[in-house]
C-alpha atoms as a PDB file:
ATOM      1  CA  MET A   1      41.094  27.577  -5.134  1.00  0.00           C
ATOM      2  CA  ALA A   2      42.446  25.088  -2.615  1.00  0.00           C
ATOM      3  CA  GLU A   3      44.959  26.283  -0.069  1.00  0.00           C
ATOM      4  CA  PRO A   4      48.267  24.375  -0.043  1.00  0.00           C
ATOM      5  CA  GLU A   5      48.402  21.900   2.799  1.00  0.00           C
ATOM      6  CA  ASN A   6      51.997  22.707   3.795  1.00  0.00           C
ATOM      7  CA  THR A   7      52.622  26.416   4.247  1.00  0.00           C
ATOM      8  CA  THR A   8      56.250  25.981   5.284  1.00  0.00           C
ATOM      9  CA  PRO A   9      58.436  26.968   2.296  1.00  0.00           C
ATOM     10  CA  LEU A  10      60.199  24.075   0.631  1.00  0.00           C
ATOM     11  CA  LEU A  11      63.937  24.674   1.117  1.00  0.00           C
ATOM     12  CA  ILE A  12      66.061  24.076  -1.951  1.00  0.00           C
ATOM     13  CA  LYS A  13      69.871  24.365  -1.531  1.00  0.00           C
ATOM     14  CA  ARG A  14      72.113  25.276  -4.383  1.00  0.00           C
ATOM     15  CA  TYR A  15      75.469  23.532  -4.260  1.00  0.00           C
ATOM     16  CA  ALA A  16      78.735  24.913  -5.673  1.00  0.00           C
ATOM     17  CA  SER A  17      78.148  22.717  -8.743  1.00  0.00           C
ATOM     18  CA  ARG A  18      74.924  24.708  -9.309  1.00  0.00           C
ATOM     19  CA  ARG A  19      72.838  21.575  -8.679  1.00  0.00           C
ATOM     20  CA  LEU A  20      69.643  22.163  -6.729  1.00  0.00           C
ATOM     21  CA  TYR A  21      68.873  19.901  -3.748  1.00  0.00           C
ATOM     22  CA  ASN A  22      65.470  19.370  -2.275  1.00  0.00           C
ATOM     23  CA  THR A  23      65.964  19.160   1.473  1.00  0.00           C
ATOM     24  CA  GLU A  24      62.608  17.435   2.109  1.00  0.00           C
ATOM     25  CA  THR A  25      63.125  14.501  -0.271  1.00  0.00           C
ATOM     26  CA  SER A  26      66.886  14.455  -0.182  1.00  0.00           C
ATOM     27  CA  ASP A  27      67.300  14.437  -3.909  1.00  0.00           C
ATOM     28  CA  TYR A  28      68.338  16.800  -6.740  1.00  0.00           C
ATOM     29  CA  VAL A  29      65.665  18.752  -8.597  1.00  0.00           C
ATOM     30  CA  THR A  30      65.485  20.727 -11.823  1.00  0.00           C
ATOM     31  CA  LEU A  31      63.938  24.051 -12.561  1.00  0.00           C
ATOM     32  CA  GLU A  32      60.966  22.299 -14.012  1.00  0.00           C
ATOM     33  CA  ASP A  33      60.495  20.373 -10.708  1.00  0.00           C
ATOM     34  CA  ILE A  34      60.562  23.660  -8.833  1.00  0.00           C
ATOM     35  CA  ALA A  35      57.998  25.134 -11.263  1.00  0.00           C
ATOM     36  CA  GLY A  36      55.836  22.081 -10.541  1.00  0.00           C
ATOM     37  CA  PHE A  37      56.055  22.656  -6.812  1.00  0.00           C
ATOM     38  CA  ILE A  38      54.977  26.249  -7.259  1.00  0.00           C
ATOM     39  CA  ARG A  39      52.078  25.340  -9.575  1.00  0.00           C
ATOM     40  CA  ALA A  40      50.949  22.877  -6.933  1.00  0.00           C
ATOM     41  CA  GLY A  41      50.682  25.759  -4.530  1.00  0.00           C
ATOM     42  CA  ARG A  42      53.912  25.286  -2.567  1.00  0.00           C
ATOM     43  CA  GLN A  43      56.065  28.153  -1.441  1.00  0.00           C
ATOM     44  CA  VAL A  44      59.732  27.620  -2.410  1.00  0.00           C
ATOM     45  CA  ARG A  45      62.876  29.155  -0.995  1.00  0.00           C
ATOM     46  CA  ILE A  46      66.216  28.648  -2.813  1.00  0.00           C
ATOM     47  CA  VAL A  47      69.412  29.431  -0.925  1.00  0.00           C
ATOM     48  CA  ASP A  48      73.131  29.146  -1.691  1.00  0.00           C
ATOM     49  CA  LEU A  49      74.598  26.376   0.494  1.00  0.00           C
ATOM     50  CA  LYS A  50      77.925  28.133   1.016  1.00  0.00           C
ATOM     51  CA  THR A  51      76.893  31.765   1.536  1.00  0.00           C
ATOM     52  CA  GLY A  52      73.262  31.339   2.659  1.00  0.00           C
ATOM     53  CA  ASP A  53      72.229  33.995   0.096  1.00  0.00           C
ATOM     54  CA  ASP A  54      68.529  33.860  -0.985  1.00  0.00           C
ATOM     55  CA  LEU A  55      68.481  32.996  -4.672  1.00  0.00           C
ATOM     56  CA  THR A  56      64.714  32.526  -4.985  1.00  0.00           C
ATOM     57  CA  ARG A  57      64.074  35.627  -7.108  1.00  0.00           C
ATOM     58  CA  GLN A  58      66.911  34.775  -9.475  1.00  0.00           C
ATOM     59  CA  TYR A  59      65.640  31.222 -10.048  1.00  0.00           C
ATOM     60  CA  LEU A  60      61.962  32.297 -10.400  1.00  0.00           C
ATOM     61  CA  LEU A  61      62.996  34.780 -13.110  1.00  0.00           C
ATOM     62  CA  GLN A  62      64.997  31.987 -14.814  1.00  0.00           C
ATOM     63  CA  ILE A  63      61.910  29.758 -14.783  1.00  0.00           C
ATOM     64  CA  ILE A  64      59.821  32.553 -16.325  1.00  0.00           C
ATOM     65  CA  ALA A  65      62.546  33.249 -18.985  1.00  0.00           C
ATOM     66  CA  GLU A  66      62.656  29.590 -19.924  1.00  0.00           C
ATOM     67  CA  HIS A  67      58.873  29.409 -20.395  1.00  0.00           C
ATOM     68  CA  GLU A  68      58.852  32.571 -22.365  1.00  0.00           C
ATOM     69  CA  GLY A  69      61.746  31.349 -24.487  1.00  0.00           C
ATOM     70  CA  ARG A  70      59.836  28.111 -25.349  1.00  0.00           C
ATOM     71  CA  GLY A  71      57.030  30.185 -26.805  1.00  0.00           C
ATOM     72  CA  GLU A  72      54.766  30.027 -23.723  1.00  0.00           C
ATOM     73  CA  ASN A  73      54.270  33.782 -23.900  1.00  0.00           C
ATOM     74  CA  VAL A  74      52.411  35.229 -20.960  1.00  0.00           C
ATOM     75  CA  LEU A  75      54.097  38.565 -20.764  1.00  0.00           C
ATOM     76  CA  PRO A  76      53.432  40.879 -23.748  1.00  0.00           C
ATOM     77  CA  ILE A  77      56.578  42.574 -25.190  1.00  0.00           C
ATOM     78  CA  GLU A  78      55.255  45.963 -24.166  1.00  0.00           C
ATOM     79  CA  VAL A  79      55.078  44.850 -20.523  1.00  0.00           C
ATOM     80  CA  LEU A  80      58.612  43.442 -20.707  1.00  0.00           C
ATOM     81  CA  ILE A  81      59.875  46.752 -22.196  1.00  0.00           C
ATOM     82  CA  ASP A  82      58.165  48.735 -19.447  1.00  0.00           C
ATOM     83  CA  LEU A  83      59.655  46.445 -16.803  1.00  0.00           C
ATOM     84  CA  VAL A  84      63.110  47.084 -18.164  1.00  0.00           C
ATOM     85  CA  ARG A  85      62.445  50.820 -18.229  1.00  0.00           C
ATOM     86  CA  SER A  86      61.166  50.768 -14.642  1.00  0.00           C
ATOM     87  CA  TYR A  87      64.572  49.777 -13.352  1.00  0.00           C
ATOM     88  CA  THR A  88      66.013  53.115 -14.451  1.00  0.00           C
ATOM     89  CA  THR A  89      63.129  55.475 -13.803  1.00  0.00           C
ATOM     90  CA  GLN A  90      61.186  56.889 -10.903  1.00  0.00           C
ATOM     91  CA  ALA A  91      58.394  54.487 -11.789  1.00  0.00           C
ATOM     92  CA  GLN A  92      60.408  51.737 -10.063  1.00  0.00           C
ATOM     93  CA  SER A  93      58.665  52.518  -6.768  1.00  0.00           C
ATOM     94  CA  VAL A  94      55.219  52.207  -8.406  1.00  0.00           C
ATOM     95  CA  VAL A  95      55.731  49.090 -10.496  1.00  0.00           C
ATOM     96  CA  PRO A  96      55.717  46.524  -7.674  1.00  0.00           C
ATOM     97  CA  GLN A  97      52.437  47.849  -6.318  1.00  0.00           C
ATOM     98  CA  PHE A  98      50.933  47.969  -9.808  1.00  0.00           C
ATOM     99  CA  LEU A  99      51.946  44.414 -10.548  1.00  0.00           C
ATOM    100  CA  ALA A 100      50.674  43.156  -7.186  1.00  0.00           C
ATOM    101  CA  ALA A 101      47.275  44.890  -7.811  1.00  0.00           C
ATOM    102  CA  SER A 102      47.098  43.575 -11.384  1.00  0.00           C
ATOM    103  CA  PHE A 103      47.756  39.986 -10.278  1.00  0.00           C
ATOM    104  CA  GLU A 104      45.272  40.354  -7.429  1.00  0.00           C
ATOM    105  CA  MET A 105      42.686  41.345  -9.981  1.00  0.00           C
ATOM    106  CA  LEU A 106      43.628  38.368 -12.103  1.00  0.00           C
ATOM    107  CA  ARG A 107      43.331  35.966  -9.181  1.00  0.00           C
ATOM    108  CA  GLU A 108      39.919  37.241  -8.369  1.00  0.00           C
ATOM    109  CA  GLY A 109      38.816  36.930 -11.970  1.00  0.00           C
ATOM    110  CA  GLN A 110      40.003  33.383 -12.177  1.00  0.00           C
ATOM    111  CA  SER A 111      38.280  32.524  -8.896  1.00  0.00           C
ATOM    112  CA  LYS A 112      35.019  33.952 -10.203  1.00  0.00           C
ATOM    113  CA  MET A 113      35.473  32.145 -13.483  1.00  0.00           C
ATOM    114  CA  MET A 114      35.955  28.824 -11.726  1.00  0.00           C
ATOM    115  CA  GLU A 115      32.818  29.462  -9.623  1.00  0.00           C
ATOM    116  CA  ASN A 116      30.838  30.227 -12.786  1.00  0.00           C
ATOM    117  CA  LEU A 117      32.035  27.109 -14.548  1.00  0.00           C
ATOM    118  CA  SER A 118      30.394  25.045 -11.870  1.00  0.00           C
ATOM    119  CA  THR A 119      27.079  26.969 -11.761  1.00  0.00           C
ATOM    120  CA  PHE A 120      26.596  27.746 -15.439  1.00  0.00           C
ATOM    121  CA  PRO A 121      24.065  25.395 -17.127  1.00  0.00           C
ATOM    122  CA  ASN A 122      25.720  24.024 -20.244  1.00  0.00           C
ATOM    123  CA  PRO A 123      23.860  22.259 -23.085  1.00  0.00           C
ATOM    124  CA  MET A 124      27.007  20.255 -23.701  1.00  0.00           C
ATOM    125  CA  SER A 125      26.812  18.704 -20.232  1.00  0.00           C
ATOM    126  CA  SER A 126      24.812  15.749 -21.678  1.00  0.00           C
ATOM    127  CA  MET A 127      27.581  14.859 -24.116  1.00  0.00           C
ATOM    128  CA  PRO A 128      29.795  11.868 -23.260  1.00  0.00           C
ATOM    129  CA  GLY A 129      33.153  12.937 -21.724  1.00  0.00           C
ATOM    130  CA  PHE A 130      31.970  16.418 -20.787  1.00  0.00           C
ATOM    131  CA  GLU A 131      32.496  15.948 -17.059  1.00  0.00           C
ATOM    132  CA  ALA A 132      36.124  14.838 -17.662  1.00  0.00           C
ATOM    133  CA  LEU A 133      36.646  17.911 -19.873  1.00  0.00           C
ATOM    134  CA  GLN A 134      35.225  20.169 -17.244  1.00  0.00           C
ATOM    135  CA  ARG A 135      37.428  18.631 -14.531  1.00  0.00           C
ATOM    136  CA  GLN A 136      40.457  19.120 -16.780  1.00  0.00           C
ATOM    137  CA  GLN A 137      39.559  22.842 -17.272  1.00  0.00           C
ATOM    138  CA  GLN A 138      39.134  23.311 -13.528  1.00  0.00           C
ATOM    139  CA  LEU A 139      42.482  21.640 -12.814  1.00  0.00           C
ATOM    140  CA  PHE A 140      44.115  23.842 -15.433  1.00  0.00           C
ATOM    141  CA  LEU A 141      42.670  26.986 -13.873  1.00  0.00           C
ATOM    142  CA  LYS A 142      43.715  25.817 -10.447  1.00  0.00           C
ATOM    143  CA  ALA A 143      47.277  25.184 -11.703  1.00  0.00           C
ATOM    144  CA  MET A 144      47.412  28.697 -13.157  1.00  0.00           C
ATOM    145  CA  ALA A 145      46.248  30.204  -9.891  1.00  0.00           C
ATOM    146  CA  ALA A 146      48.130  27.932  -7.542  1.00  0.00           C
ATOM    147  CA  GLY A 147      50.052  29.736  -4.891  1.00  0.00           C
ATOM    148  CA  TRP A 148      48.457  33.084  -5.549  1.00  0.00           C
ATOM    149  CA  GLY A 149      46.111  33.121  -2.580  1.00  0.00           C
ATOM    150  CA  ALA A 150      42.656  34.687  -2.254  1.00  0.00           C
ATOM    151  CA  GLY A 151      42.008  38.203  -3.524  1.00  0.00           C
ATOM    152  CA  SER A 152      39.356  40.835  -3.648  1.00  0.00           C
ATOM    153  CA  SER A 153      37.761  42.271  -6.734  1.00  0.00           C
ATOM    154  CA  GLY A 154      38.287  45.838  -7.929  1.00  0.00           C
ATOM    155  CA  PRO A 155      36.223  48.196  -9.930  1.00  0.00           C
ATOM    156  CA  GLU A 156      37.480  46.670 -13.195  1.00  0.00           C
ATOM    157  CA  MET A 157      35.989  43.254 -12.301  1.00  0.00           C
ATOM    158  CA  GLU A 158      32.679  44.853 -11.417  1.00  0.00           C
ATOM    159  CA  GLU A 159      32.581  46.557 -14.845  1.00  0.00           C
ATOM    160  CA  THR A 160      33.366  43.194 -16.566  1.00  0.00           C
ATOM    161  CA  GLU A 161      30.435  41.539 -14.793  1.00  0.00           C
ATOM    162  CA  THR A 162      28.190  44.383 -15.968  1.00  0.00           C
ATOM    163  CA  ASP A 163      29.414  44.036 -19.562  1.00  0.00           C
ATOM    164  CA  GLU A 164      28.757  40.249 -19.381  1.00  0.00           C
ATOM    165  CA  THR A 165      25.324  40.830 -17.988  1.00  0.00           C
ATOM    166  CA  ARG A 166      24.574  43.115 -20.876  1.00  0.00           C
ATOM    167  CA  ARG A 167      25.457  40.310 -23.254  1.00  0.00           C
ATOM    168  CA  GLY A 168      22.426  38.361 -22.227  1.00  0.00           C
ATOM    169  CA  GLY A 169      22.822  37.612 -18.533  1.00  0.00           C
ATOM    170  CA  GLN A 170      25.416  34.890 -19.076  1.00  0.00           C
ATOM    171  CA  LYS A 171      29.070  34.787 -18.208  1.00  0.00           C
ATOM    172  CA  GLY A 172      31.491  34.598 -21.121  1.00  0.00           C
ATOM    173  CA  SER A 173      33.478  31.542 -21.950  1.00  0.00           C
ATOM    174  CA  ALA A 174      36.935  31.001 -20.434  1.00  0.00           C
ATOM    175  CA  PRO A 175      38.856  32.347 -23.468  1.00  0.00           C
ATOM    176  CA  GLU A 176      36.626  35.474 -23.584  1.00  0.00           C
ATOM    177  CA  ASP A 177      37.136  36.005 -19.827  1.00  0.00           C
ATOM    178  CA  MET A 178      40.899  35.631 -20.205  1.00  0.00           C
ATOM    179  CA  ALA A 179      40.928  38.057 -23.082  1.00  0.00           C
ATOM    180  CA  GLU A 180      38.983  40.551 -20.979  1.00  0.00           C
ATOM    181  CA  ILE A 181      41.403  40.147 -18.065  1.00  0.00           C
ATOM    182  CA  ARG A 182      44.355  40.670 -20.441  1.00  0.00           C
ATOM    183  CA  ARG A 183      42.638  43.708 -21.895  1.00  0.00           C
ATOM    184  CA  GLN A 184      42.179  45.153 -18.429  1.00  0.00           C
ATOM    185  CA  LEU A 185      45.750  44.361 -17.467  1.00  0.00           C
ATOM    186  CA  ALA A 186      46.982  46.102 -20.658  1.00  0.00           C
ATOM    187  CA  GLU A 187      44.839  49.110 -19.866  1.00  0.00           C
ATOM    188  CA  LEU A 188      46.275  49.337 -16.370  1.00  0.00           C
ATOM    189  CA  GLN A 189      49.773  49.002 -17.830  1.00  0.00           C
ATOM    190  CA  LYS A 190      49.114  51.900 -20.212  1.00  0.00           C
ATOM    191  CA  ARG A 191      47.819  54.060 -17.276  1.00  0.00           C
ATOM    192  CA  ILE A 192      50.920  53.390 -15.217  1.00  0.00           C
ATOM    193  CA  SER A 193      53.311  54.079 -18.080  1.00  0.00           C
ATOM    194  CA  LYS A 194      51.758  57.544 -18.390  1.00  0.00           C
ATOM    195  CA  LEU A 195      52.701  58.424 -14.823  1.00  0.00           C
END
């Protein structure tokens, strides 16, 4: 995964009219523009022009809600329910660490999957257009992982590799790997909800 070139957060100012202003390009931006900056690996900071209050969290949650509302469901309903519950229970202190560890595991899994895509011999590689398809897959995975940074693997990833090796010494396909990552994340979520 490539590191973003500019590590200085992009400052977005919210005017009283609720319009969002990109201070680097001196133009107004939408939530979709901000989501694009983040996908490209850019850190973003959104502040209220008048009060100076940091509104970044509020707008990031709004971006997530809009994507979820359009049917781009990433968060299972059970996770959303547990998140709502965590705001009123003692689990609130554990949830941020759990989520951080889960996403760290996901980042590492995606990184390994991208490495495996480039080293895995594929019989389809002789087909016309395969290289373009492979580049598109890699760009998609980079977009998903943009801005997450490098991570380290945990025991769950090591178990996954062992399972894949037992399947014949080959890594699974991207959808199978994502399904395994989701399964592991759901398992971790179940463990934390039992605390």
